[in-house]
Amino acid sequence: MTITILAFGIARDLFGDRTIKLDLKGGETVAEVMSLLKDRYEGLKQLKSVVLAVNEDYVEDDYQIKSGDELAIIPPVSGG
């Protein structure tokens, strides 16, 4: 199955694009997808925290991804 990853902030810089497609076996949780992404994009490991949303709803790490889902990776925002 294929899902779309939406990247914001520094995550977009790490991916080199705002969106990427990711092929999965099926049945993966958000935490498992993040682990796969951290293996592919080493810079993600440097982010201490990110907020995750699937189809515009915030989700916990144990949320099970479905085919066609959009997973948004939202790093913390800093500034004044």
Foldseek 3Di string as FASTA:
>chain_A
DKEKEAEDDVRCVQVVHRIDIDDDPFFAFQLVVVVVVCVVRVVVVVQPDWFKDKPNHTDDRRHTDDPHIYIYTGGDDDDD
